[in-house]
Protein backbone atom coordinates (compact mmCIF):
# COMPACT_ATOMS: atom_id res chain seq x y z
CA MET A 1 186.55 156.19 132.99
CA SER A 2 183.75 155.51 130.99
CA ARG A 3 182.60 158.98 128.86
CA PHE A 4 179.24 158.80 128.08
CA ALA A 5 176.25 156.30 128.74
CA ILE A 6 173.20 155.22 126.55
CA ALA A 7 169.72 153.19 128.05
CA ALA A 8 167.69 151.99 125.69
CA GLY A 9 164.68 149.49 125.23
CA HIS A 10 166.56 146.92 123.25
CA VAL A 11 170.32 146.02 123.11
CA ALA A 12 170.42 147.39 119.08
CA THR A 13 168.65 150.20 120.04
CA ALA A 14 171.11 151.26 122.62
CA GLU A 15 173.94 150.09 120.31
CA ALA A 16 173.44 152.67 117.68
CA GLY A 17 173.27 155.60 120.22
CA ALA A 18 176.66 154.09 121.41
CA VAL A 19 178.07 154.09 117.96
CA ALA A 20 177.27 157.95 117.74
CA LEU A 21 178.90 158.57 120.99
CA ARG A 22 181.85 156.78 120.50
CA ALA A 23 182.73 158.83 117.16
CA GLY A 24 182.19 162.13 119.39
CA GLY A 25 178.60 162.73 118.52
CA THR A 26 176.51 164.37 121.19
CA ALA A 27 173.73 163.03 123.39
CA VAL A 28 171.19 164.37 120.74
CA ASP A 29 173.20 162.56 118.21
CA ALA A 30 172.80 159.49 120.02
CA VAL A 31 169.27 159.23 120.63
CA VAL A 32 168.20 160.03 117.02
CA ALA A 33 170.29 157.00 115.72
CA ALA A 34 168.87 155.09 119.11
CA ALA A 35 165.24 156.18 117.23
CA LEU A 36 166.00 155.29 114.00
CA ALA A 37 167.72 151.64 115.31
CA ALA A 38 164.38 151.43 117.39
CA CYS A 39 162.13 151.50 114.34
CA ALA A 40 164.11 148.19 113.34
CA ALA A 41 164.28 146.52 116.70
CA GLU A 42 161.36 147.58 118.27
CA PRO A 43 159.01 147.80 115.41
CA LEU A 44 155.72 147.44 117.67
CA LEU A 45 156.74 150.24 119.90
CA ALA A 46 158.39 152.91 117.31
CA GLY A 47 157.50 153.48 113.80
CA LEU A 48 158.76 156.48 111.30
CA PHE A 49 154.85 157.37 111.28
CA GLY A 50 154.56 158.30 115.12
CA GLY A 51 155.49 161.12 117.19
CA GLY A 52 157.67 161.83 120.72
CA PHE A 53 159.20 163.90 122.46
CA LEU A 54 162.72 165.22 123.36
CA ALA A 55 164.15 166.98 126.48
CA VAL A 56 167.80 168.21 126.06
CA ARG A 57 169.75 169.67 128.59
CA GLU A 58 172.81 171.46 127.45
CA ALA A 59 175.76 171.30 128.71
CA SER A 60 175.69 174.94 129.70
CA GLY A 61 172.54 174.14 132.25
CA ARG A 62 170.13 175.38 129.66
CA SER A 63 166.82 173.09 129.34
CA ARG A 64 164.59 172.62 126.12
CA MET A 65 161.58 170.53 125.39
CA LEU A 66 161.26 169.62 121.77
CA ASP A 67 157.16 168.45 120.77
CA PHE A 68 156.95 166.05 117.75
CA PHE A 69 154.16 164.55 118.50
CA VAL A 70 151.09 163.61 116.48
CA GLN A 71 148.50 166.00 115.17
CA THR A 72 145.17 165.96 114.25
CA PRO A 73 144.58 166.20 111.04
CA ARG A 74 142.87 169.70 109.63
CA ARG A 75 139.77 167.83 108.19
CA ARG A 76 137.46 165.52 109.77
CA LEU A 77 135.56 162.95 107.42
CA PRO A 78 131.86 162.28 109.08
CA GLU A 79 131.55 158.43 110.69
CA PRO A 80 129.71 156.92 107.44
CA GLU A 81 133.13 157.88 105.30
CA ARG A 82 135.55 156.76 108.13
CA ASP A 83 137.19 153.37 107.81
CA LEU A 84 137.48 152.38 111.93
CA ARG A 85 137.69 148.86 112.06
CA ALA A 86 137.72 147.46 116.23
CA ILE A 87 139.56 145.01 117.48
CA GLU A 88 140.22 143.39 120.84
CA ALA A 89 144.31 143.01 122.54
CA ASP A 90 144.34 140.44 124.81
CA PHE A 91 146.58 141.48 127.51
CA GLY A 92 146.03 138.04 129.77
CA ASP A 93 143.90 139.30 132.32
CA ALA A 94 142.21 141.89 130.82
CA ARG A 95 141.03 142.98 127.14
CA GLN A 96 140.83 146.14 125.77
CA SER A 97 139.39 147.11 122.69
CA PHE A 98 141.32 149.33 119.87
CA HIS A 99 140.47 150.78 116.51
CA ILE A 100 142.29 150.84 113.51
CA GLY A 101 142.21 151.19 109.66
CA ALA A 102 142.50 154.52 107.75
CA GLY A 103 140.08 156.52 110.07
CA ALA A 104 142.74 156.02 112.63
CA ILE A 105 145.81 158.01 111.03
CA ALA A 106 146.97 161.28 112.47
CA THR A 107 149.61 163.48 111.07
CA PRO A 108 152.84 161.91 111.97
CA GLY A 109 155.52 164.04 113.42
CA LEU A 110 158.57 161.85 114.19
CA VAL A 111 160.90 162.03 111.20
CA PRO A 112 160.22 166.09 111.36
CA GLY A 113 161.33 165.63 114.65
CA LEU A 114 164.71 164.31 114.59
CA ALA A 115 165.56 166.08 111.55
CA GLU A 116 165.04 169.38 113.85
CA ALA A 117 166.67 167.88 116.71
CA HIS A 118 169.66 166.73 114.54
CA ALA A 119 169.89 169.80 113.12
CA ARG A 120 170.01 172.06 116.17
CA PHE A 121 172.39 170.04 118.28
CA GLY A 122 173.90 167.18 116.12
CA ARG A 123 176.73 166.77 115.24
CA ILE A 124 177.50 163.65 113.09
CA PRO A 125 175.83 163.86 109.80
CA MET A 126 172.85 162.02 109.71
CA ARG A 127 173.82 159.18 107.21
CA GLU A 128 176.43 158.39 109.86
CA LEU A 129 173.57 158.10 112.30
CA ALA A 130 171.19 156.23 110.51
CA ARG A 131 173.89 153.21 109.32
CA PRO A 132 172.70 151.00 112.57
CA ALA A 133 169.15 151.02 111.95
CA LEU A 134 170.01 150.56 108.04
CA GLU A 135 171.96 147.31 109.13
CA ALA A 136 169.66 145.89 111.71
CA ALA A 137 166.44 146.68 109.17
CA GLY A 138 168.52 145.06 105.92
CA ARG A 139 169.98 142.12 107.73
CA GLY A 140 167.10 141.68 110.15
CA LEU A 141 167.47 141.07 113.90
CA PRO A 142 166.41 138.14 116.16
CA PHE A 143 162.95 138.82 117.56
CA SER A 144 163.14 139.08 121.67
CA ALA A 145 161.36 137.46 124.24
CA PHE A 146 159.42 140.89 125.02
CA GLN A 147 158.70 141.79 121.35
CA ALA A 148 157.07 138.66 120.74
CA ARG A 149 154.93 139.22 123.86
CA VAL A 150 153.96 142.28 122.64
CA LEU A 151 152.93 141.16 119.20
CA GLN A 152 150.64 138.27 120.71
CA VAL A 153 149.48 141.26 122.53
CA ILE A 154 148.15 142.79 119.35
CA ALA A 155 148.11 140.34 117.24
CA PRO A 156 145.00 141.28 115.62
CA ILE A 157 146.45 144.48 114.06
CA CYS A 158 149.54 142.29 112.79
CA ARG A 159 147.34 139.86 110.97
CA ALA A 160 144.64 142.67 109.70
CA THR A 161 146.31 143.04 106.28
CA PRO A 162 148.48 141.31 103.89
CA ALA A 163 150.92 143.78 104.16
CA ALA A 164 151.00 143.47 108.01
CA ARG A 165 151.31 139.45 108.01
CA ALA A 166 154.04 139.93 105.36
CA LEU A 167 155.96 141.94 108.51
CA PHE A 168 155.47 140.10 111.52
CA CYS A 169 153.95 136.68 110.10
CA PRO A 170 157.51 135.03 108.49
CA ASP A 171 155.53 131.97 106.76
CA GLY A 172 152.65 134.44 105.51
CA GLU A 173 150.11 133.23 108.45
CA THR A 174 151.68 132.36 111.86
CA LEU A 175 153.18 135.36 114.10
CA ALA A 176 156.99 135.28 114.68
CA VAL A 177 158.21 133.80 117.53
CA ALA A 178 161.28 134.65 119.91
CA GLY A 179 164.50 134.37 118.38
CA GLU A 180 162.99 134.52 114.83
CA THR A 181 165.18 137.00 111.97
CA LEU A 182 162.73 139.58 110.95
CA ALA A 183 164.38 141.61 108.06
CA ASN A 184 163.11 144.87 106.78
CA PRO A 185 164.84 146.03 103.57
CA ALA A 186 161.62 148.41 102.76
CA LEU A 187 162.61 149.96 106.26
CA ALA A 188 166.03 150.02 105.04
CA ASP A 189 165.18 152.14 101.97
CA ALA A 190 162.52 154.33 103.88
CA ILE A 191 165.23 155.27 106.76
CA ASP A 192 168.13 155.91 103.50
CA ALA A 193 165.97 158.10 101.93
CA PHE A 194 165.55 160.25 105.03
CA ALA A 195 169.30 159.86 106.06
CA GLN A 196 170.20 161.41 102.58
CA GLU A 197 167.18 163.59 101.71
CA GLY A 198 166.25 164.83 105.06
CA PRO A 199 162.09 164.73 105.74
CA ARG A 200 161.03 166.37 102.58
CA LEU A 201 160.08 162.82 101.27
CA PHE A 202 158.18 161.94 104.44
CA GLN A 203 156.18 165.68 104.19
CA GLU A 204 155.81 166.34 100.52
CA GLY A 205 157.61 163.74 98.14
CA GLU A 206 156.97 160.38 97.48
CA ILE A 207 156.55 158.56 100.85
CA ALA A 208 154.12 161.56 101.84
CA ARG A 209 151.89 160.64 98.87
CA ALA A 210 152.19 157.00 99.95
CA LEU A 211 150.86 157.32 103.09
CA ALA A 212 148.22 159.93 102.09
CA GLY A 213 147.43 157.46 99.66
CA ILE A 214 146.27 154.83 102.13
CA ALA A 215 144.66 157.51 104.17
CA ALA A 216 142.67 158.29 101.23
CA GLU A 217 140.48 155.61 101.64
CA GLY A 218 138.55 156.55 104.77
CA GLY A 219 141.03 158.29 106.48
CA HIS A 220 140.73 162.21 107.42
CA LEU A 221 144.92 162.84 106.89
CA THR A 222 146.12 164.34 103.59
CA ILE A 223 148.98 165.26 102.20
CA GLU A 224 148.53 168.99 103.01
CA ASP A 225 148.69 168.01 106.86
CA LEU A 226 152.31 166.20 106.35
CA ALA A 227 153.47 169.26 104.28
CA ALA A 228 152.02 171.57 107.18
CA TYR A 229 153.53 169.82 110.12
CA ARG A 230 156.08 171.14 111.86
CA PRO A 231 157.87 170.63 115.63
CA ALA A 232 157.50 172.78 118.30
CA TRP A 233 160.53 174.00 121.10
CA ARG A 234 158.90 174.71 124.31
CA GLU A 235 160.12 175.56 127.31
CA PRO A 236 160.07 172.69 130.29
CA LEU A 237 157.50 172.55 132.78
CA GLN A 238 159.80 173.26 135.85
CA ALA A 239 159.74 171.34 139.31
CA GLU A 240 161.96 170.54 142.58
CA ARG A 241 162.47 167.37 144.69
CA GLY A 242 164.71 167.62 147.36
CA ALA A 243 167.34 169.56 146.02
CA ALA A 244 166.81 168.14 142.34
CA ARG A 245 165.51 170.32 139.62
CA LEU A 246 163.34 169.20 136.91
CA SER A 247 162.71 170.07 133.45
CA LEU A 248 159.36 168.17 132.52
CA ASN A 249 157.16 167.80 129.66
CA PRO A 250 155.08 170.74 129.33
CA GLY A 251 151.93 170.97 127.69
CA PRO A 252 149.98 170.42 125.66
CA ALA A 253 151.46 166.93 126.78
CA LEU A 254 149.97 165.84 130.07
CA GLY A 255 152.64 163.58 131.59
CA GLY A 256 154.73 166.38 132.97
CA THR A 257 152.27 168.20 134.75
CA LEU A 258 151.33 164.91 136.11
CA VAL A 259 154.43 163.30 137.18
CA ALA A 260 154.86 166.87 139.04
CA LEU A 261 152.01 166.68 141.18
CA ALA A 262 152.32 163.13 142.11
CA LEU A 263 156.09 164.48 143.40
CA ARG A 264 154.67 167.51 145.20
CA LEU A 265 152.31 165.23 146.58
CA ALA A 266 154.10 162.26 147.70
CA PRO A 267 156.64 163.15 150.83
CA ALA A 268 160.56 162.79 151.18
CA ASP A 269 161.27 158.80 151.29
CA ALA A 270 157.21 158.08 151.02
CA SER A 271 156.09 155.07 152.01
CA ALA A 272 153.97 152.55 149.63
CA LEU A 273 150.80 153.66 151.07
CA ASP A 274 152.21 157.42 150.84
CA TRP A 275 152.80 156.87 147.24
CA ALA A 276 149.57 155.25 146.93
CA HIS A 277 147.62 158.28 148.15
CA ALA A 278 149.60 160.83 146.47
CA LEU A 279 148.66 159.00 142.82
CA ALA A 280 144.97 158.50 143.47
CA THR A 281 144.84 162.28 144.18
CA VAL A 282 146.28 162.97 141.05
CA ALA A 283 144.08 160.09 139.20
CA LYS A 284 141.09 161.86 140.79
CA ALA A 285 142.52 165.49 139.62
CA ARG A 286 142.97 164.16 135.79
CA ALA A 287 139.55 162.89 135.83
CA GLU A 288 137.91 165.78 137.21
CA ALA A 289 140.09 167.89 135.12
CA GLU A 290 139.07 166.19 131.84
CA ALA A 291 135.13 166.49 132.94
CA GLN A 292 135.09 170.06 134.06
CA ALA A 293 137.12 170.96 130.94
CA GLY A 294 135.41 172.63 127.96
CA GLY A 295 137.97 173.89 125.32
CA ASP A 296 140.93 172.36 123.33
CA VAL A 297 144.20 173.55 124.99
CA LEU A 298 145.80 173.49 127.92
CA ALA A 299 144.48 177.21 129.61
CA ARG A 300 147.67 177.31 131.50
CA LEU A 301 150.21 174.63 133.81
CA GLY A 302 150.88 177.41 136.92
CA GLU A 303 152.12 175.21 139.22
CA ALA A 304 151.27 171.51 139.54
CA THR A 305 148.80 171.00 142.13
CA ALA A 306 145.35 169.38 142.04
CA GLU A 307 144.19 172.90 141.58
CA GLY A 308 146.17 173.83 138.74
CA LEU A 309 144.78 170.54 136.72
CA ARG A 310 141.44 171.41 137.23
CA ALA A 311 141.88 173.94 134.87
CA LEU A 312 143.16 172.09 132.32
CA ALA A 313 140.96 171.95 129.21
CA ALA A 314 140.32 168.66 127.49
CA ARG A 315 142.25 167.63 124.28
CA PRO A 316 142.60 164.82 122.60
CA ARG A 317 145.37 162.58 124.19
CA SER A 318 147.18 159.56 123.32
CA GLU A 319 148.09 156.77 126.15
CA ARG A 320 149.55 153.85 124.06
CA GLY A 321 152.55 151.82 123.38
CA THR A 322 155.87 153.71 123.50
CA THR A 323 159.36 153.22 123.92
CA HIS A 324 162.21 155.37 124.92
CA VAL A 325 166.09 156.23 125.23
CA SER A 326 168.45 158.26 127.40
CA ALA A 327 171.96 159.44 126.60
CA VAL A 328 174.47 161.52 128.50
CA ASP A 329 177.80 162.52 126.90
CA ALA A 330 181.33 163.60 127.44
CA SER A 331 180.61 167.43 127.28
CA GLY A 332 177.47 166.90 130.06
CA MET A 333 175.23 167.03 127.52
CA ALA A 334 171.98 164.52 128.35
CA ALA A 335 169.21 163.65 125.85
CA ALA A 336 165.36 161.66 127.11
CA LEU A 337 163.61 161.03 123.85
CA THR A 338 160.44 159.42 124.21
CA LEU A 339 158.50 157.85 120.72
CA SER A 340 155.19 155.74 119.99
CA ASN A 341 153.58 154.45 116.92
CA GLY A 342 150.49 153.47 119.15
CA GLU A 343 149.44 150.21 118.41
CA GLY A 344 149.45 150.52 114.40
CA CYS A 345 146.34 150.92 112.09
CA GLY A 346 147.14 147.68 110.34
CA LEU A 347 148.00 149.46 107.12
CA VAL A 348 151.70 149.59 105.86
CA VAL A 349 152.68 152.22 104.12
CA PRO A 350 153.79 151.17 100.65
CA GLY A 351 157.81 151.00 100.46
CA THR A 352 158.44 151.56 103.28
CA GLY A 353 158.01 148.69 105.75
CA THR A 354 156.14 150.42 108.59
CA MET A 355 152.20 150.78 109.65
CA ALA A 356 151.14 154.29 109.98
CA ASN A 357 149.89 154.92 113.34
CA ASN A 358 146.32 154.82 114.53
CA MET A 359 146.69 157.62 117.53
CA LEU A 360 142.54 158.50 116.52
CA GLY A 361 141.66 154.79 116.82
CA GLU A 362 140.90 154.58 120.65
CA ALA A 363 137.23 155.78 121.86
CA ASP A 364 138.68 156.35 125.53
CA LEU A 365 141.93 158.54 124.46
CA LEU A 366 139.40 161.36 122.87
CA PRO A 367 136.89 163.02 125.44
CA ARG A 368 134.35 163.81 122.46
CA GLY A 369 134.34 160.72 120.91
CA LEU A 370 136.07 159.17 117.74
CA ASP A 371 134.49 161.70 115.59
CA GLY A 372 134.46 164.73 118.28
CA TRP A 373 137.89 165.77 118.07
CA ARG A 374 138.69 169.16 117.21
CA THR A 375 140.92 169.25 114.01
CA ASP A 376 144.84 170.75 113.74
CA VAL A 377 146.21 170.55 117.07
CA ARG A 378 148.65 168.12 119.12
CA LEU A 379 147.23 165.38 120.34
CA ALA A 380 148.14 165.48 124.35
CA SER A 381 150.33 162.83 125.67
CA MET A 382 151.18 160.87 129.04
CA MET A 383 154.84 160.75 127.52
CA ALA A 384 157.23 162.10 130.30
CA PRO A 385 161.03 162.58 129.13
CA THR A 386 162.91 164.49 131.75
CA ALA A 387 165.92 166.27 132.58
CA MET A 388 167.34 166.04 136.09
CA ALA A 389 170.23 168.49 137.81
CA TRP A 390 171.53 168.46 141.31
CA PRO A 391 173.57 171.83 142.81
CA ASP A 392 177.00 169.76 142.42
CA GLY A 393 176.88 169.42 138.76
CA SER A 394 175.22 166.19 138.18
CA VAL A 395 172.74 165.72 135.75
CA ALA A 396 170.62 162.89 134.75
CA ALA A 397 168.20 162.07 131.73
CA LEU A 398 165.33 159.57 131.93
CA GLY A 399 161.78 158.58 131.14
CA SER A 400 159.59 155.59 130.07
CA GLY A 401 156.96 153.88 128.17
CA GLY A 402 153.95 152.43 129.90
CA SER A 403 151.22 154.48 128.86
CA ASN A 404 148.80 155.54 131.36
CA ARG A 405 151.35 154.24 134.12
CA ILE A 406 153.99 156.76 132.74
CA ARG A 407 153.56 159.10 135.48
CA SER A 408 153.57 156.18 138.30
CA ALA A 409 156.62 154.67 137.13
CA MET A 410 158.74 158.05 136.67
CA ALA A 411 157.18 159.73 140.02
CA GLN A 412 158.09 157.02 141.90
CA ALA A 413 161.66 156.52 139.72
CA ILE A 414 162.67 159.95 140.22
CA ALA A 415 161.94 160.09 143.99
CA ARG A 416 164.25 157.29 144.70
CA LEU A 417 167.34 159.20 142.59
CA ALA A 418 166.53 162.47 144.72
CA ASP A 419 165.42 161.35 147.94
CA ARG A 420 167.68 158.87 148.29
CA GLY A 421 170.43 159.20 146.08
CA GLU A 422 170.11 155.64 144.95
CA ALA A 423 171.65 154.32 141.89
CA LEU A 424 169.97 154.17 138.47
CA ASP A 425 169.63 150.48 138.71
CA ARG A 426 168.12 150.30 141.77
CA ALA A 427 166.00 153.08 141.79
CA ILE A 428 164.27 151.29 138.23
CA GLU A 429 164.45 147.72 139.92
CA ALA A 430 162.42 148.64 142.89
CA PRO A 431 158.45 147.89 143.06
CA ARG A 432 156.08 149.72 141.71
CA LEU A 433 152.46 150.76 141.59
CA HIS A 434 149.56 152.41 140.09
CA VAL A 435 146.68 153.99 140.83
CA GLU A 436 143.49 154.59 138.87
CA HIS A 437 140.39 157.15 140.12
CA ALA A 438 137.98 153.77 139.56
CA PRO A 439 137.67 150.26 139.86
CA PRO A 440 139.26 148.85 136.50
CA ALA A 441 136.46 148.45 133.67
CA GLY A 442 134.28 145.30 133.35
CA ASP A 443 135.19 144.05 136.22
CA PRO A 444 131.73 144.08 138.35
CA ASP A 445 133.03 141.97 141.29
CA ALA A 446 135.43 145.03 142.15
CA PRO A 447 134.58 147.25 144.98
CA PRO A 448 133.97 151.13 144.66
CA GLY A 449 136.45 154.01 144.74
CA PRO A 450 140.26 153.71 143.48
CA SER A 451 142.14 150.78 142.45
CA ILE A 452 145.32 150.04 142.67
CA ASP A 453 148.10 147.60 141.05
CA PHE A 454 151.17 146.95 142.62
CA GLU A 455 154.17 144.76 142.29
CA ASP A 456 154.17 142.12 145.11
CA ARG A 457 157.55 142.92 146.65
CA PHE A 458 156.77 145.62 148.79
CA PRO A 459 157.59 144.75 152.39
CA GLY A 460 155.21 142.52 154.46
CA ALA A 461 153.54 145.78 156.69
CA GLU A 462 153.67 148.04 153.58
CA ARG A 463 151.83 145.55 151.56
CA GLU A 464 149.27 144.88 154.40
CA ALA A 465 148.58 148.80 154.44
CA LEU A 466 148.12 148.65 150.63
CA THR A 467 145.22 146.10 150.79
CA ARG A 468 143.79 147.31 153.63
CA ALA A 469 143.39 150.85 152.32
CA PHE A 470 142.76 149.71 148.76
CA PRO A 471 140.00 147.21 149.03
CA ALA A 472 140.84 146.91 144.80
CA ALA A 473 144.00 146.09 145.27
CA ARG A 474 145.57 143.49 142.79
CA PRO A 475 148.88 142.60 143.58
CA TRP A 476 151.16 140.98 140.41
CA ALA A 477 153.12 138.32 141.07
CA GLN A 478 155.68 138.99 138.43
CA GLU A 479 157.34 141.88 136.83
CA SER A 480 155.05 143.19 133.87
CA LEU A 481 155.58 145.83 131.00
CA PHE A 482 152.26 147.29 132.35
CA PHE A 483 154.26 148.93 135.17
CA GLY A 484 156.25 150.74 132.25
CA GLY A 485 160.07 151.13 131.41
CA VAL A 486 162.24 153.48 132.84
CA HIS A 487 165.45 153.92 130.78
CA ALA A 488 167.58 156.30 132.38
CA VAL A 489 171.83 157.77 132.53
CA ARG A 490 173.54 160.15 134.71
CA ARG A 491 176.77 161.60 134.79
CA SER A 492 178.39 163.35 138.07
CA ARG A 493 180.32 166.52 138.17
CA SER A 494 183.36 164.79 137.87
CA GLY A 495 182.45 163.03 134.75
CA VAL A 496 181.40 159.58 136.32
CA VAL A 497 178.66 157.93 134.72
CA GLU A 498 176.17 155.56 134.79
CA ALA A 499 172.95 153.78 132.69
CA ALA A 500 170.26 151.59 133.95
CA ALA A 501 167.45 150.04 131.74
CA ASP A 502 163.95 148.52 133.00
CA PRO A 503 164.25 145.07 133.27
CA ARG A 504 160.40 144.76 132.47
CA ARG A 505 160.89 146.30 129.12
CA ASP A 506 163.90 144.24 127.93
CA GLY A 507 165.88 147.39 128.60
CA ALA A 508 169.94 147.82 127.37
CA ALA A 509 172.55 149.95 129.03
CA LEU A 510 175.62 150.70 127.71
CA THR A 511 178.69 153.13 129.27
CA ALA A 512 182.51 153.48 127.24
């Protein structure tokens, strides 16, 4: 019988965590090892200078959440001094503007966060956990078809500087394609430095100085910001769906609250139209909360209701590219870790083979504008790693990439597990939909009112109900990374484990 399970966004990421589990490591050991490997295997979604969140459900039943997401710097340069350059990402059917450059860099938290998680729950030395990542970065991995698609979307960022081109253009100009092997010895050296010496080099030492050095030319970030950063343990937001008890990401993140609200609004065994109406209410409540808010912290979460959401205070937030890993170990500990580097700012930190994040570089993520964010606060995020528990002793851990679609992907997957007791793969692969409060931006022909995107695999009657109720409905003929990437694990009370990863995002799942 299998003793553990892990699911992630790349086979090398999942295998790195599995190595730790086979060696007797905890679920937290596994997700730490996997996160380091993701920096090599999923370099467009994960990076040493990003941040994330970790949900842990201990074998004792206690749940907790570690917030190691990015922080706004403690100073804000005036607009004339900022290095912010606009680029356009090409998503095929739509284009989206982003900003890169030194002025887009927020204070990263990934390395201090992984160190804190390991110190609290790790069993295997960090040097051993890092070994798969070192090997993957040093020898290189074949670029996956999924990563190649993401690379095409953000091509202007990956061509923005000579150092960026050196990472993603093997011949110096042409972007990598699926199957090409990309090695990154500098990344291996940086990961090895972390494994040997801990986070000090990234917060006070040579690597911190290198990051502060590229930020010095038009950026807000200073080495003092790096030295002052601290991960934060938080009590999860608790919710229920049927018999399942959920531990969700609390404030200052937004994702957990929005998932909880969607689950509260959608009835048991909700139809596609039920979900559309529930998600439309969530989108409307979020928009109203942002329009009415005037502070810079979440006033209080309270219960996850539309009224509670309207009390949320505006805070700079990030919804960008993410990846996720979930694991459960032989003791019953479950862990779910979601991480992000944004799209990357185009500037590679010398000696690390890694772009710095661009979390301060997208106007519609900053309610007060590109130069209106408050200093020295956590950015709010849509990331929503979640632990689930049932009265019979079963546990699950799951999370998703997908930026603004995380709330929709997670709510629908959780409901299928809680309402129907479905197998993980069926719950993840089921068709999804997502609703926004307004019509798609830049579409003058779109009818007024909320817009809905849905995978065109719903039964005929449900599809008809969606298009009738939402004139601004857009069916997607093929599965797409647009709808998120839920990776999940589950363990029964008797110790039977399962894992499933989302094919929309090249997921990989392992049990042993």
